[in-house]
Amino acid sequence: QVQLVDSGGGPAQAGGSLRLSCGASGRTLSSYDMGWFRQAPGKEREFVADISWSGSSTYVADSVKGRFTISRDNAKNTVYLQMNSLKPEDTAVYYCAASLVRLGVKPRTREYNYWGQGTQVTVSS
């Protein structure tokens, strides 16, 4: 069992930056492909980015491409989401997730086995 802990959210101004972190207890994250999702009020959970277990392959959704970057440091057992040029429409609860499937892009929530508790990001104009 993996317990994921999301952190780093908070308020930000439009055009600003935040870096989210996802850590784990109980297991090493290097065993998993990892993803970030977000959910705004009244909307479905939306795929943001994912990264392979080794960090050699990443994929970012079109809605955040060029602004958000996913990375990982397996030595620190941590996955990051660097968010730059933030927009009010980025406001959401952000969740990290771990997948036992080590193959390809995984934009669907059902492809992930473990989830963090979420961290709120609020971007004001």
Protein backbone atom coordinates (compact mmCIF):
# COMPACT_ATOMS: atom_id res chain seq x y z
CA GLN A 1 0.00 0.00 0.00
CA VAL A 2 1.28 3.45 -0.94
CA GLN A 3 0.25 6.58 0.91
CA LEU A 4 0.77 9.66 -1.23
CA VAL A 5 1.03 13.13 0.27
CA ASP A 6 0.46 16.19 -1.94
CA SER A 7 1.79 19.56 -0.87
CA GLY A 8 2.78 22.96 -2.19
CA GLY A 9 -0.58 24.38 -3.11
CA GLY A 10 -1.85 27.77 -2.03
CA PRO A 11 -2.85 31.16 -3.38
CA ALA A 12 -1.08 32.67 -6.37
CA GLN A 13 -1.45 35.66 -8.64
CA ALA A 14 -2.08 35.23 -12.34
CA GLY A 15 1.28 34.93 -14.06
CA GLY A 16 2.88 33.56 -10.94
CA SER A 17 4.36 30.16 -10.14
CA LEU A 18 3.91 27.31 -7.71
CA ARG A 19 5.64 23.97 -7.32
CA LEU A 20 3.64 21.02 -6.09
CA SER A 21 5.30 18.04 -4.48
CA CYS A 22 4.14 14.48 -4.01
CA GLY A 23 5.83 12.27 -1.47
CA ALA A 24 5.09 8.79 -0.25
CA SER A 25 5.28 6.64 2.83
CA GLY A 26 5.41 2.91 2.87
CA ARG A 27 6.83 2.32 -0.59
CA THR A 28 9.34 3.78 -2.98
CA LEU A 29 7.80 5.82 -5.78
CA SER A 30 10.39 4.57 -8.25
CA SER A 31 8.20 1.49 -8.67
CA TYR A 32 5.41 3.55 -10.22
CA ASP A 33 4.56 5.73 -13.14
CA MET A 34 3.15 8.92 -11.65
CA GLY A 35 0.54 11.43 -12.70
CA TRP A 36 -1.00 14.72 -11.69
CA PHE A 37 -4.70 15.48 -12.03
CA ARG A 38 -6.84 18.42 -11.02
CA GLN A 39 -10.48 18.97 -10.18
CA ALA A 40 -12.26 22.29 -10.20
CA PRO A 41 -15.60 22.77 -8.41
CA GLY A 42 -18.43 21.17 -10.33
CA LYS A 43 -16.10 19.58 -12.88
CA GLU A 44 -14.68 16.13 -13.45
CA ARG A 45 -11.15 15.25 -12.46
CA GLU A 46 -8.85 16.29 -15.31
CA PHE A 47 -5.51 14.84 -16.39
CA VAL A 48 -2.60 17.28 -16.17
CA ALA A 49 0.64 15.35 -16.67
CA ASP A 50 2.37 12.04 -16.18
CA ILE A 51 5.91 10.72 -15.92
CA SER A 52 7.40 7.28 -16.31
CA TRP A 53 8.95 5.46 -13.35
CA SER A 54 12.47 6.37 -14.51
CA GLY A 55 11.63 9.94 -15.44
CA SER A 56 12.70 9.38 -19.03
CA SER A 57 9.24 9.95 -20.48
CA THR A 58 6.80 12.73 -19.67
CA TYR A 59 3.50 13.93 -21.10
CA VAL A 60 1.64 17.15 -20.41
CA ALA A 61 -1.95 17.96 -21.31
CA ASP A 62 -2.51 20.55 -24.03
CA SER A 63 -4.26 22.86 -21.57
CA VAL A 64 -1.02 23.34 -19.60
CA LYS A 65 1.63 22.62 -22.20
CA GLY A 66 4.44 25.14 -22.15
CA ARG A 67 3.50 26.27 -18.63
CA PHE A 68 3.61 23.14 -16.45
CA THR A 69 6.45 20.64 -16.09
CA ILE A 70 6.40 17.28 -14.35
CA SER A 71 9.58 15.81 -12.91
CA ARG A 72 10.71 13.36 -10.29
CA ASP A 73 13.63 12.72 -7.98
CA ASN A 74 13.58 9.05 -7.08
CA ALA A 75 16.43 9.52 -4.61
CA LYS A 76 14.14 11.86 -2.67
CA ASN A 77 11.07 9.72 -3.35
CA THR A 78 9.28 12.80 -4.67
CA VAL A 79 7.41 13.85 -7.79
CA TYR A 80 6.99 17.52 -8.71
CA LEU A 81 4.67 19.66 -10.78
CA GLN A 82 6.21 23.02 -11.62
CA MET A 83 3.46 25.44 -12.59
CA ASN A 84 4.41 28.71 -14.28
CA SER A 85 2.37 31.48 -15.91
CA LEU A 86 -0.60 30.51 -13.80
CA LYS A 87 -4.09 31.48 -14.92
CA PRO A 88 -7.32 31.78 -12.93
CA GLU A 89 -8.62 28.73 -14.80
CA ASP A 90 -5.84 26.68 -13.19
CA THR A 91 -7.69 27.01 -9.90
CA ALA A 92 -8.48 23.49 -8.66
CA VAL A 93 -7.56 20.81 -6.20
CA TYR A 94 -4.49 19.03 -7.54
CA TYR A 95 -3.93 15.33 -6.92
CA CYS A 96 -0.93 13.14 -7.52
CA ALA A 97 -1.48 9.51 -8.39
CA ALA A 98 0.59 6.35 -8.75
CA SER A 99 0.12 3.68 -11.38
CA LEU A 100 1.32 0.09 -11.36
CA VAL A 101 1.15 0.12 -15.15
CA ARG A 102 4.53 1.07 -16.59
CA LEU A 103 3.52 1.68 -20.15
CA GLY A 104 2.56 4.76 -22.12
CA VAL A 105 0.55 7.83 -21.31
CA LYS A 106 -2.19 7.30 -18.79
CA PRO A 107 -4.72 10.15 -18.89
CA ARG A 108 -7.59 8.25 -17.27
CA THR A 109 -8.20 8.13 -13.54
CA ARG A 110 -8.94 4.40 -13.66
CA GLU A 111 -5.37 3.75 -14.75
CA TYR A 112 -4.04 4.81 -11.38
CA ASN A 113 -4.00 2.72 -8.23
CA TYR A 114 -3.18 5.21 -5.47
CA TRP A 115 -4.09 8.85 -4.89
CA GLY A 116 -2.94 11.68 -2.71
CA GLN A 117 -5.34 13.70 -0.61
CA GLY A 118 -5.12 16.75 -2.88
CA THR A 119 -3.74 20.25 -2.49
CA GLN A 120 -5.70 23.39 -3.31
CA VAL A 121 -4.36 25.87 -5.86
CA THR A 122 -6.16 29.18 -6.14
CA VAL A 123 -5.10 31.67 -8.81
CA SER A 124 -6.47 35.20 -8.68
CA SER A 125 -6.45 37.71 -11.51
